[in-house]
Amino acid sequence: MKIDTVLHSDYTVVSIAGEIDMYSSPALRDMLLTLVKKNTATVIVNLKEVRYIDSSGIATFVEALKKMLAYKGKLKMAQVPDRLMEIFNFSKLDKVFEIYGSIEDAANS
């Protein structure tokens, strides 16, 4: 898994490539919790290049969202591939996370 973070004036984009699984999710968790500790107002997670996600990856996003909601932060998903969208739909997480077709749509929402 590869993680790139780009800071913008109003939001931070976290782009992930590869697989998010029990081996790689601790690194993602550490990075997201660092943003949480900084009270980052809006984090947009770009999932365009993610090939696979397991329950530990989903749990990482849920934990980050819960911690962000405590200070009224927002965690948004962008460019979610169809195979991952099926998981979000099946688990009803599409009702929990804000999901957008593009980074621009997420940033402007």
PDB file of N, CA and C in Angstrom:
ATOM      1  N   MET A   1       0.836  -1.171   0.000  1.00  0.00           N
ATOM      2  CA  MET A   1       0.000   0.000   0.000  1.00  0.00           C
ATOM      3  C   MET A   1       0.887   1.241   0.000  1.00  0.00           C
ATOM      4  N   LYS A   2       0.446   2.239  -0.734  1.00  0.00           N
ATOM      5  CA  LYS A   2       1.148   3.515  -0.790  1.00  0.00           C
ATOM      6  C   LYS A   2       0.160   4.607  -0.392  1.00  0.00           C
ATOM      7  N   ILE A   3       0.608   5.550   0.447  1.00  0.00           N
ATOM      8  CA  ILE A   3      -0.234   6.646   0.907  1.00  0.00           C
ATOM      9  C   ILE A   3       0.451   7.961   0.562  1.00  0.00           C
ATOM     10  N   ASP A   4      -0.285   8.850  -0.107  1.00  0.00           N
ATOM     11  CA  ASP A   4       0.193  10.205  -0.387  1.00  0.00           C
ATOM     12  C   ASP A   4      -0.779  11.187   0.241  1.00  0.00           C
ATOM     13  N   THR A   5      -0.239  12.214   0.878  1.00  0.00           N
ATOM     14  CA  THR A   5      -1.070  13.233   1.509  1.00  0.00           C
ATOM     15  C   THR A   5      -0.740  14.588   0.904  1.00  0.00           C
ATOM     16  N   VAL A   6      -1.797  15.306   0.506  1.00  0.00           N
ATOM     17  CA  VAL A   6      -1.624  16.647  -0.046  1.00  0.00           C
ATOM     18  C   VAL A   6      -2.498  17.608   0.757  1.00  0.00           C
ATOM     19  N   LEU A   7      -1.862  18.610   1.339  1.00  0.00           N
ATOM     20  CA  LEU A   7      -2.572  19.609   2.120  1.00  0.00           C
ATOM     21  C   LEU A   7      -3.042  20.738   1.221  1.00  0.00           C
ATOM     22  N   HIS A   8      -4.312  21.086   1.337  1.00  0.00           N
ATOM     23  CA  HIS A   8      -4.882  22.246   0.652  1.00  0.00           C
ATOM     24  C   HIS A   8      -5.333  23.223   1.731  1.00  0.00           C
ATOM     25  N   SER A   9      -5.733  24.392   1.341  1.00  0.00           N
ATOM     26  CA  SER A   9      -6.115  25.381   2.353  1.00  0.00           C
ATOM     27  C   SER A   9      -7.345  24.957   3.154  1.00  0.00           C
ATOM     28  N   ASP A  10      -8.322  24.313   2.511  1.00  0.00           N
ATOM     29  CA  ASP A  10      -9.575  23.965   3.191  1.00  0.00           C
ATOM     30  C   ASP A  10      -9.725  22.481   3.507  1.00  0.00           C
ATOM     31  N   TYR A  11      -8.849  21.654   2.978  1.00  0.00           N
ATOM     32  CA  TYR A  11      -8.996  20.208   3.149  1.00  0.00           C
ATOM     33  C   TYR A  11      -7.658  19.515   2.890  1.00  0.00           C
ATOM     34  N   THR A  12      -7.600  18.241   3.269  1.00  0.00           N
ATOM     35  CA  THR A  12      -6.430  17.406   3.025  1.00  0.00           C
ATOM     36  C   THR A  12      -6.877  16.203   2.212  1.00  0.00           C
ATOM     37  N   VAL A  13      -6.138  15.879   1.163  1.00  0.00           N
ATOM     38  CA  VAL A  13      -6.432  14.709   0.339  1.00  0.00           C
ATOM     39  C   VAL A  13      -5.444  13.605   0.688  1.00  0.00           C
ATOM     40  N   VAL A  14      -5.993  12.435   1.015  1.00  0.00           N
ATOM     41  CA  VAL A  14      -5.193  11.255   1.290  1.00  0.00           C
ATOM     42  C   VAL A  14      -5.461  10.276   0.150  1.00  0.00           C
ATOM     43  N   SER A  15      -4.467  10.058  -0.696  1.00  0.00           N
ATOM     44  CA  SER A  15      -4.611   9.127  -1.818  1.00  0.00           C
ATOM     45  C   SER A  15      -3.932   7.817  -1.458  1.00  0.00           C
ATOM     46  N   ILE A  16      -4.669   6.740  -1.657  1.00  0.00           N
ATOM     47  CA  ILE A  16      -4.175   5.415  -1.294  1.00  0.00           C
ATOM     48  C   ILE A  16      -4.112   4.557  -2.546  1.00  0.00           C
ATOM     49  N   ALA A  17      -3.058   3.777  -2.663  1.00  0.00           N
ATOM     50  CA  ALA A  17      -2.918   2.843  -3.784  1.00  0.00           C
ATOM     51  C   ALA A  17      -2.546   1.473  -3.229  1.00  0.00           C
ATOM     52  N   GLY A  18      -3.087   0.436  -3.842  1.00  0.00           N
ATOM     53  CA  GLY A  18      -2.757  -0.921  -3.426  1.00  0.00           C
ATOM     54  C   GLY A  18      -3.872  -1.569  -2.643  1.00  0.00           C
ATOM     55  N   GLU A  19      -3.486  -2.356  -1.638  1.00  0.00           N
ATOM     56  CA  GLU A  19      -4.436  -3.097  -0.829  1.00  0.00           C
ATOM     57  C   GLU A  19      -4.443  -2.577   0.599  1.00  0.00           C
ATOM     58  N   ILE A  20      -5.645  -2.436   1.151  1.00  0.00           N
ATOM     59  CA  ILE A  20      -5.782  -2.050   2.550  1.00  0.00           C
ATOM     60  C   ILE A  20      -6.238  -3.304   3.285  1.00  0.00           C
ATOM     61  N   ASP A  21      -5.313  -3.892   4.022  1.00  0.00           N
ATOM     62  CA  ASP A  21      -5.617  -5.136   4.728  1.00  0.00           C
ATOM     63  C   ASP A  21      -5.013  -5.081   6.131  1.00  0.00           C
ATOM     64  N   MET A  22      -5.071  -6.212   6.839  1.00  0.00           N
ATOM     65  CA  MET A  22      -4.601  -6.218   8.229  1.00  0.00           C
ATOM     66  C   MET A  22      -3.111  -5.911   8.356  1.00  0.00           C
ATOM     67  N   TYR A  23      -2.362  -6.069   7.290  1.00  0.00           N
ATOM     68  CA  TYR A  23      -0.928  -5.776   7.325  1.00  0.00           C
ATOM     69  C   TYR A  23      -0.639  -4.302   7.067  1.00  0.00           C
ATOM     70  N   SER A  24      -1.443  -3.684   6.203  1.00  0.00           N
ATOM     71  CA  SER A  24      -1.184  -2.297   5.829  1.00  0.00           C
ATOM     72  C   SER A  24      -2.049  -1.286   6.578  1.00  0.00           C
ATOM     73  N   SER A  25      -3.173  -1.721   7.122  1.00  0.00           N
ATOM     74  CA  SER A  25      -4.077  -0.764   7.765  1.00  0.00           C
ATOM     75  C   SER A  25      -3.475  -0.058   8.988  1.00  0.00           C
ATOM     76  N   PRO A  26      -2.540  -0.672   9.757  1.00  0.00           N
ATOM     77  CA  PRO A  26      -1.944   0.095  10.863  1.00  0.00           C
ATOM     78  C   PRO A  26      -1.229   1.377  10.401  1.00  0.00           C
ATOM     79  N   ALA A  27      -0.575   1.337   9.255  1.00  0.00           N
ATOM     80  CA  ALA A  27       0.087   2.542   8.738  1.00  0.00           C
ATOM     81  C   ALA A  27      -0.947   3.595   8.347  1.00  0.00           C
ATOM     82  N   LEU A  28      -2.034   3.149   7.735  1.00  0.00           N
ATOM     83  CA  LEU A  28      -3.124   4.070   7.375  1.00  0.00           C
ATOM     84  C   LEU A  28      -3.743   4.660   8.635  1.00  0.00           C
ATOM     85  N   ARG A  29      -3.961   3.836   9.638  1.00  0.00           N
ATOM     86  CA  ARG A  29      -4.532   4.293  10.903  1.00  0.00           C
ATOM     87  C   ARG A  29      -3.647   5.361  11.533  1.00  0.00           C
ATOM     88  N   ASP A  30      -2.345   5.117  11.594  1.00  0.00           N
ATOM     89  CA  ASP A  30      -1.417   6.088  12.171  1.00  0.00           C
ATOM     90  C   ASP A  30      -1.490   7.422  11.444  1.00  0.00           C
ATOM     91  N   MET A  31      -1.540   7.373  10.127  1.00  0.00           N
ATOM     92  CA  MET A  31      -1.587   8.599   9.332  1.00  0.00           C
ATOM     93  C   MET A  31      -2.896   9.352   9.564  1.00  0.00           C
ATOM     94  N   LEU A  32      -4.028   8.623   9.552  1.00  0.00           N
ATOM     95  CA  LEU A  32      -5.325   9.275   9.775  1.00  0.00           C
ATOM     96  C   LEU A  32      -5.426   9.852  11.186  1.00  0.00           C
ATOM     97  N   LEU A  33      -4.930   9.129  12.179  1.00  0.00           N
ATOM     98  CA  LEU A  33      -4.991   9.632  13.549  1.00  0.00           C
ATOM     99  C   LEU A  33      -4.080  10.845  13.757  1.00  0.00           C
ATOM    100  N   THR A  34      -3.012  10.936  12.987  1.00  0.00           N
ATOM    101  CA  THR A  34      -2.176  12.137  13.022  1.00  0.00           C
ATOM    102  C   THR A  34      -2.982  13.344  12.551  1.00  0.00           C
ATOM    103  N   LEU A  35      -3.767  13.152  11.480  1.00  0.00           N
ATOM    104  CA  LEU A  35      -4.626  14.233  10.987  1.00  0.00           C
ATOM    105  C   LEU A  35      -5.709  14.567  12.010  1.00  0.00           C
ATOM    106  N   VAL A  36      -6.234  13.562  12.679  1.00  0.00           N
ATOM    107  CA  VAL A  36      -7.248  13.775  13.716  1.00  0.00           C
ATOM    108  C   VAL A  36      -6.659  14.588  14.864  1.00  0.00           C
ATOM    109  N   LYS A  37      -5.453  14.246  15.285  1.00  0.00           N
ATOM    110  CA  LYS A  37      -4.816  14.969  16.393  1.00  0.00           C
ATOM    111  C   LYS A  37      -4.604  16.444  16.057  1.00  0.00           C
ATOM    112  N   LYS A  38      -4.470  16.741  14.768  1.00  0.00           N
ATOM    113  CA  LYS A  38      -4.314  18.125  14.315  1.00  0.00           C
ATOM    114  C   LYS A  38      -5.672  18.802  14.121  1.00  0.00           C
ATOM    115  N   ASN A  39      -6.766  18.066  14.424  1.00  0.00           N
ATOM    116  CA  ASN A  39      -8.126  18.575  14.204  1.00  0.00           C
ATOM    117  C   ASN A  39      -8.343  19.039  12.767  1.00  0.00           C
ATOM    118  N   THR A  40      -7.835  18.267  11.824  1.00  0.00           N
ATOM    119  CA  THR A  40      -8.016  18.574  10.408  1.00  0.00           C
ATOM    120  C   THR A  40      -9.513  18.615  10.118  1.00  0.00           C
ATOM    121  N   ALA A  41      -9.976  19.730   9.559  1.00  0.00           N
ATOM    122  CA  ALA A  41     -11.420  19.939   9.370  1.00  0.00           C
ATOM    123  C   ALA A  41     -12.029  18.957   8.374  1.00  0.00           C
ATOM    124  N   THR A  42     -11.376  18.775   7.233  1.00  0.00           N
ATOM    125  CA  THR A  42     -11.911  17.896   6.191  1.00  0.00           C
ATOM    126  C   THR A  42     -10.792  17.047   5.613  1.00  0.00           C
ATOM    127  N   VAL A  43     -11.017  15.749   5.617  1.00  0.00           N
ATOM    128  CA  VAL A  43     -10.095  14.804   4.988  1.00  0.00           C
ATOM    129  C   VAL A  43     -10.854  14.104   3.874  1.00  0.00           C
ATOM    130  N   ILE A  44     -10.297  14.153   2.678  1.00  0.00           N
ATOM    131  CA  ILE A  44     -10.869  13.462   1.525  1.00  0.00           C
ATOM    132  C   ILE A  44      -9.964  12.290   1.209  1.00  0.00           C
ATOM    133  N   VAL A  45     -10.515  11.086   1.270  1.00  0.00           N
ATOM    134  CA  VAL A  45      -9.747   9.879   0.989  1.00  0.00           C
ATOM    135  C   VAL A  45     -10.018   9.467  -0.450  1.00  0.00           C
ATOM    136  N   ASN A  46      -8.975   9.507  -1.265  1.00  0.00           N
ATOM    137  CA  ASN A  46      -9.077   9.109  -2.667  1.00  0.00           C
ATOM    138  C   ASN A  46      -8.777   7.612  -2.762  1.00  0.00           C
ATOM    139  N   LEU A  47      -9.794   6.841  -3.093  1.00  0.00           N
ATOM    140  CA  LEU A  47      -9.650   5.380  -3.152  1.00  0.00           C
ATOM    141  C   LEU A  47      -9.515   4.850  -4.579  1.00  0.00           C
ATOM    142  N   LYS A  48      -9.288   5.723  -5.526  1.00  0.00           N
ATOM    143  CA  LYS A  48      -9.259   5.341  -6.940  1.00  0.00           C
ATOM    144  C   LYS A  48      -8.313   4.177  -7.228  1.00  0.00           C
ATOM    145  N   GLU A  49      -7.164   4.144  -6.575  1.00  0.00           N
ATOM    146  CA  GLU A  49      -6.144   3.138  -6.873  1.00  0.00           C
ATOM    147  C   GLU A  49      -6.139   1.969  -5.884  1.00  0.00           C
ATOM    148  N   VAL A  50      -7.177   1.859  -5.063  1.00  0.00           N
ATOM    149  CA  VAL A  50      -7.251   0.754  -4.103  1.00  0.00           C
ATOM    150  C   VAL A  50      -7.867  -0.462  -4.783  1.00  0.00           C
ATOM    151  N   ARG A  51      -7.152  -1.583  -4.722  1.00  0.00           N
ATOM    152  CA  ARG A  51      -7.610  -2.815  -5.374  1.00  0.00           C
ATOM    153  C   ARG A  51      -8.413  -3.707  -4.435  1.00  0.00           C
ATOM    154  N   TYR A  52      -8.182  -3.543  -3.123  1.00  0.00           N
ATOM    155  CA  TYR A  52      -8.794  -4.457  -2.155  1.00  0.00           C
ATOM    156  C   TYR A  52      -8.846  -3.782  -0.798  1.00  0.00           C
ATOM    157  N   ILE A  53      -9.914  -4.055  -0.044  1.00  0.00           N
ATOM    158  CA  ILE A  53     -10.003  -3.593   1.337  1.00  0.00           C
ATOM    159  C   ILE A  53     -10.665  -4.690   2.157  1.00  0.00           C
ATOM    160  N   ASP A  54     -10.119  -4.957   3.345  1.00  0.00           N
ATOM    161  CA  ASP A  54     -10.734  -5.953   4.221  1.00  0.00           C
ATOM    162  C   ASP A  54     -11.352  -5.250   5.424  1.00  0.00           C
ATOM    163  N   SER A  55     -11.837  -6.025   6.373  1.00  0.00           N
ATOM    164  CA  SER A  55     -12.547  -5.458   7.520  1.00  0.00           C
ATOM    165  C   SER A  55     -11.654  -4.563   8.374  1.00  0.00           C
ATOM    166  N   SER A  56     -10.360  -4.841   8.416  1.00  0.00           N
ATOM    167  CA  SER A  56      -9.474  -3.982   9.207  1.00  0.00           C
ATOM    168  C   SER A  56      -9.347  -2.598   8.560  1.00  0.00           C
ATOM    169  N   GLY A  57      -9.379  -2.552   7.254  1.00  0.00           N
ATOM    170  CA  GLY A  57      -9.348  -1.269   6.553  1.00  0.00           C
ATOM    171  C   GLY A  57     -10.623  -0.482   6.777  1.00  0.00           C
ATOM    172  N   ILE A  58     -11.761  -1.167   6.704  1.00  0.00           N
ATOM    173  CA  ILE A  58     -13.039  -0.516   6.968  1.00  0.00           C
ATOM    174  C   ILE A  58     -13.061   0.002   8.402  1.00  0.00           C
ATOM    175  N   ALA A  59     -12.604  -0.816   9.351  1.00  0.00           N
ATOM    176  CA  ALA A  59     -12.578  -0.411  10.760  1.00  0.00           C
ATOM    177  C   ALA A  59     -11.700   0.822  10.967  1.00  0.00           C
ATOM    178  N   THR A  60     -10.622   0.919  10.230  1.00  0.00           N
ATOM    179  CA  THR A  60      -9.730   2.075  10.318  1.00  0.00           C
ATOM    180  C   THR A  60     -10.467   3.347   9.918  1.00  0.00           C
ATOM    181  N   PHE A  61     -11.221   3.283   8.823  1.00  0.00           N
ATOM    182  CA  PHE A  61     -11.986   4.451   8.381  1.00  0.00           C
ATOM    183  C   PHE A  61     -13.100   4.802   9.361  1.00  0.00           C
ATOM    184  N   VAL A  62     -13.779   3.799   9.897  1.00  0.00           N
ATOM    185  CA  VAL A  62     -14.854   4.048  10.866  1.00  0.00           C
ATOM    186  C   VAL A  62     -14.289   4.715  12.116  1.00  0.00           C
ATOM    187  N   GLU A  63     -13.148   4.223  12.605  1.00  0.00           N
ATOM    188  CA  GLU A  63     -12.519   4.824  13.785  1.00  0.00           C
ATOM    189  C   GLU A  63     -12.152   6.280  13.532  1.00  0.00           C
ATOM    190  N   ALA A  64     -11.544   6.552  12.374  1.00  0.00           N
ATOM    191  CA  ALA A  64     -11.155   7.925  12.047  1.00  0.00           C
ATOM    192  C   ALA A  64     -12.394   8.820  11.952  1.00  0.00           C
ATOM    193  N   LEU A  65     -13.455   8.327  11.333  1.00  0.00           N
ATOM    194  CA  LEU A  65     -14.685   9.110  11.209  1.00  0.00           C
ATOM    195  C   LEU A  65     -15.257   9.443  12.590  1.00  0.00           C
ATOM    196  N   LYS A  66     -15.318   8.460  13.468  1.00  0.00           N
ATOM    197  CA  LYS A  66     -15.861   8.687  14.809  1.00  0.00           C
ATOM    198  C   LYS A  66     -15.053   9.751  15.559  1.00  0.00           C
ATOM    199  N   LYS A  67     -13.744   9.673  15.446  1.00  0.00           N
ATOM    200  CA  LYS A  67     -12.893  10.643  16.136  1.00  0.00           C
ATOM    201  C   LYS A  67     -13.032  12.037  15.521  1.00  0.00           C
ATOM    202  N   MET A  68     -13.225  12.097  14.202  1.00  0.00           N
ATOM    203  CA  MET A  68     -13.390  13.393  13.538  1.00  0.00           C
ATOM    204  C   MET A  68     -14.741  14.020  13.879  1.00  0.00           C
ATOM    205  N   LEU A  69     -15.771  13.205  13.979  1.00  0.00           N
ATOM    206  CA  LEU A  69     -17.088  13.729  14.317  1.00  0.00           C
ATOM    207  C   LEU A  69     -17.099  14.364  15.708  1.00  0.00           C
ATOM    208  N   ALA A  70     -16.217  13.895  16.582  1.00  0.00           N
ATOM    209  CA  ALA A  70     -16.135  14.444  17.939  1.00  0.00           C
ATOM    210  C   ALA A  70     -15.772  15.931  17.923  1.00  0.00           C
ATOM    211  N   TYR A  71     -15.025  16.370  16.910  1.00  0.00           N
ATOM    212  CA  TYR A  71     -14.694  17.797  16.807  1.00  0.00           C
ATOM    213  C   TYR A  71     -15.321  18.432  15.568  1.00  0.00           C
ATOM    214  N   LYS A  72     -16.341  17.769  15.032  1.00  0.00           N
ATOM    215  CA  LYS A  72     -17.110  18.242  13.874  1.00  0.00           C
ATOM    216  C   LYS A  72     -16.290  18.260  12.580  1.00  0.00           C
ATOM    217  N   GLY A  73     -15.295  17.363  12.500  1.00  0.00           N
ATOM    218  CA  GLY A  73     -14.537  17.205  11.273  1.00  0.00           C
ATOM    219  C   GLY A  73     -15.309  16.331  10.290  1.00  0.00           C
ATOM    220  N   LYS A  74     -14.837  16.296   9.056  1.00  0.00           N
ATOM    221  CA  LYS A  74     -15.493  15.499   8.025  1.00  0.00           C
ATOM    222  C   LYS A  74     -14.483  14.573   7.356  1.00  0.00           C
ATOM    223  N   LEU A  75     -14.895  13.320   7.187  1.00  0.00           N
ATOM    224  CA  LEU A  75     -14.108  12.335   6.448  1.00  0.00           C
ATOM    225  C   LEU A  75     -14.934  11.946   5.234  1.00  0.00           C
ATOM    226  N   LYS A  76     -14.429  12.272   4.054  1.00  0.00           N
ATOM    227  CA  LYS A  76     -15.159  12.023   2.815  1.00  0.00           C
ATOM    228  C   LYS A  76     -14.378  11.035   1.953  1.00  0.00           C
ATOM    229  N   MET A  77     -15.096  10.222   1.206  1.00  0.00           N
ATOM    230  CA  MET A  77     -14.491   9.267   0.281  1.00  0.00           C
ATOM    231  C   MET A  77     -14.705   9.764  -1.145  1.00  0.00           C
ATOM    232  N   ALA A  78     -13.703   9.583  -1.977  1.00  0.00           N
ATOM    233  CA  ALA A  78     -13.810  10.007  -3.378  1.00  0.00           C
ATOM    234  C   ALA A  78     -13.269   8.918  -4.295  1.00  0.00           C
ATOM    235  N   GLN A  79     -13.841   8.852  -5.476  1.00  0.00           N
ATOM    236  CA  GLN A  79     -13.409   7.949  -6.541  1.00  0.00           C
ATOM    237  C   GLN A  79     -13.322   6.499  -6.065  1.00  0.00           C
ATOM    238  N   VAL A  80     -14.383   6.051  -5.418  1.00  0.00           N
ATOM    239  CA  VAL A  80     -14.424   4.690  -4.886  1.00  0.00           C
ATOM    240  C   VAL A  80     -14.685   3.711  -6.036  1.00  0.00           C
ATOM    241  N   PRO A  81     -13.770   2.766  -6.290  1.00  0.00           N
ATOM    242  CA  PRO A  81     -13.979   1.794  -7.366  1.00  0.00           C
ATOM    243  C   PRO A  81     -15.228   0.943  -7.107  1.00  0.00           C
ATOM    244  N   ASP A  82     -15.833   0.453  -8.165  1.00  0.00           N
ATOM    245  CA  ASP A  82     -17.065  -0.331  -8.058  1.00  0.00           C
ATOM    246  C   ASP A  82     -16.923  -1.509  -7.096  1.00  0.00           C
ATOM    247  N   ARG A  83     -15.790  -2.207  -7.154  1.00  0.00           N
ATOM    248  CA  ARG A  83     -15.614  -3.395  -6.293  1.00  0.00           C
ATOM    249  C   ARG A  83     -15.592  -3.013  -4.824  1.00  0.00           C
ATOM    250  N   LEU A  84     -15.079  -1.832  -4.486  1.00  0.00           N
ATOM    251  CA  LEU A  84     -15.110  -1.355  -3.108  1.00  0.00           C
ATOM    252  C   LEU A  84     -16.481  -0.784  -2.761  1.00  0.00           C
ATOM    253  N   MET A  85     -17.120  -0.151  -3.742  1.00  0.00           N
ATOM    254  CA  MET A  85     -18.445   0.416  -3.508  1.00  0.00           C
ATOM    255  C   MET A  85     -19.437  -0.672  -3.134  1.00  0.00           C
ATOM    256  N   GLU A  86     -19.269  -1.860  -3.698  1.00  0.00           N
ATOM    257  CA  GLU A  86     -20.134  -2.992  -3.348  1.00  0.00           C
ATOM    258  C   GLU A  86     -20.032  -3.297  -1.853  1.00  0.00           C
ATOM    259  N   ILE A  87     -18.818  -3.228  -1.312  1.00  0.00           N
ATOM    260  CA  ILE A  87     -18.610  -3.482   0.120  1.00  0.00           C
ATOM    261  C   ILE A  87     -19.282  -2.394   0.947  1.00  0.00           C
ATOM    262  N   PHE A  88     -19.103  -1.132   0.539  1.00  0.00           N
ATOM    263  CA  PHE A  88     -19.734  -0.027   1.255  1.00  0.00           C
ATOM    264  C   PHE A  88     -21.256  -0.157   1.208  1.00  0.00           C
ATOM    265  N   ASN A  89     -21.803  -0.533   0.056  1.00  0.00           N
ATOM    266  CA  ASN A  89     -23.255  -0.689  -0.079  1.00  0.00           C
ATOM    267  C   ASN A  89     -23.756  -1.852   0.767  1.00  0.00           C
ATOM    268  N   PHE A  90     -23.100  -2.993   0.669  1.00  0.00           N
ATOM    269  CA  PHE A  90     -23.518  -4.202   1.379  1.00  0.00           C
ATOM    270  C   PHE A  90     -23.519  -3.994   2.893  1.00  0.00           C
ATOM    271  N   SER A  91     -22.504  -3.299   3.379  1.00  0.00           N
ATOM    272  CA  SER A  91     -22.368  -3.074   4.820  1.00  0.00           C
ATOM    273  C   SER A  91     -23.115  -1.822   5.288  1.00  0.00           C
ATOM    274  N   LYS A  92     -23.807  -1.160   4.366  1.00  0.00           N
ATOM    275  CA  LYS A  92     -24.571   0.072   4.656  1.00  0.00           C
ATOM    276  C   LYS A  92     -23.671   1.244   5.033  1.00  0.00           C
ATOM    277  N   LEU A  93     -22.380   1.128   4.775  1.00  0.00           N
ATOM    278  CA  LEU A  93     -21.468   2.229   5.074  1.00  0.00           C
ATOM    279  C   LEU A  93     -21.606   3.376   4.075  1.00  0.00           C
ATOM    280  N   ASP A  94     -22.300   3.122   2.978  1.00  0.00           N
ATOM    281  CA  ASP A  94     -22.579   4.205   2.039  1.00  0.00           C
ATOM    282  C   ASP A  94     -23.525   5.230   2.673  1.00  0.00           C
ATOM    283  N   LYS A  95     -24.199   4.838   3.757  1.00  0.00           N
ATOM    284  CA  LYS A  95     -25.076   5.756   4.503  1.00  0.00           C
ATOM    285  C   LYS A  95     -24.298   6.474   5.608  1.00  0.00           C
ATOM    286  N   VAL A  96     -23.127   5.959   5.944  1.00  0.00           N
ATOM    287  CA  VAL A  96     -22.318   6.512   7.028  1.00  0.00           C
ATOM    288  C   VAL A  96     -21.302   7.508   6.488  1.00  0.00           C
ATOM    289  N   PHE A  97     -20.633   7.146   5.406  1.00  0.00           N
ATOM    290  CA  PHE A  97     -19.605   7.998   4.810  1.00  0.00           C
ATOM    291  C   PHE A  97     -20.191   8.858   3.702  1.00  0.00           C
ATOM    292  N   GLU A  98     -19.643  10.051   3.571  1.00  0.00           N
ATOM    293  CA  GLU A  98     -19.962  10.883   2.416  1.00  0.00           C
ATOM    294  C   GLU A  98     -19.091  10.372   1.268  1.00  0.00           C
ATOM    295  N   ILE A  99     -19.721   9.950   0.170  1.00  0.00           N
ATOM    296  CA  ILE A  99     -18.994   9.357  -0.951  1.00  0.00           C
ATOM    297  C   ILE A  99     -19.256  10.188  -2.207  1.00  0.00           C
ATOM    298  N   TYR A 100     -18.167  10.550  -2.890  1.00  0.00           N
ATOM    299  CA  TYR A 100     -18.252  11.427  -4.062  1.00  0.00           C
ATOM    300  C   TYR A 100     -17.525  10.814  -5.254  1.00  0.00           C
ATOM    301  N   GLY A 101     -17.950  11.211  -6.434  1.00  0.00           N
ATOM    302  CA  GLY A 101     -17.358  10.703  -7.664  1.00  0.00           C
ATOM    303  C   GLY A 101     -15.979  11.275  -7.962  1.00  0.00           C
ATOM    304  N   SER A 102     -15.691  12.451  -7.411  1.00  0.00           N
ATOM    305  CA  SER A 102     -14.394  13.082  -7.671  1.00  0.00           C
ATOM    306  C   SER A 102     -13.920  13.829  -6.430  1.00  0.00           C
ATOM    307  N   ILE A 103     -12.641  14.099  -6.411  1.00  0.00           N
ATOM    308  CA  ILE A 103     -12.063  14.899  -5.325  1.00  0.00           C
ATOM    309  C   ILE A 103     -12.669  16.292  -5.336  1.00  0.00           C
ATOM    310  N   GLU A 104     -12.862  16.843  -6.520  1.00  0.00           N
ATOM    311  CA  GLU A 104     -13.430  18.185  -6.648  1.00  0.00           C
ATOM    312  C   GLU A 104     -14.841  18.245  -6.067  1.00  0.00           C
ATOM    313  N   ASP A 105     -15.658  17.214  -6.369  1.00  0.00           N
ATOM    314  CA  ASP A 105     -17.019  17.186  -5.815  1.00  0.00           C
ATOM    315  C   ASP A 105     -16.975  17.117  -4.287  1.00  0.00           C
ATOM    316  N   ALA A 106     -16.075  16.307  -3.756  1.00  0.00           N
ATOM    317  CA  ALA A 106     -15.951  16.195  -2.303  1.00  0.00           C
ATOM    318  C   ALA A 106     -15.494  17.519  -1.697  1.00  0.00           C
ATOM    319  N   ALA A 107     -14.550  18.171  -2.341  1.00  0.00           N
ATOM    320  CA  ALA A 107     -14.020  19.433  -1.821  1.00  0.00           C
ATOM    321  C   ALA A 107     -15.074  20.537  -1.858  1.00  0.00           C
ATOM    322  N   ASN A 108     -15.938  20.506  -2.856  1.00  0.00           N
ATOM    323  CA  ASN A 108     -16.934  21.556  -3.011  1.00  0.00           C
ATOM    324  C   ASN A 108     -18.239  21.293  -2.275  1.00  0.00           C
ATOM    325  N   SER A 109     -18.324  20.167  -1.593  1.00  0.00           N
ATOM    326  CA  SER A 109     -19.586  19.833  -0.913  1.00  0.00           C
ATOM    327  C   SER A 109     -19.656  20.431   0.484  1.00  0.00           C
TER     328      SER A 109
END
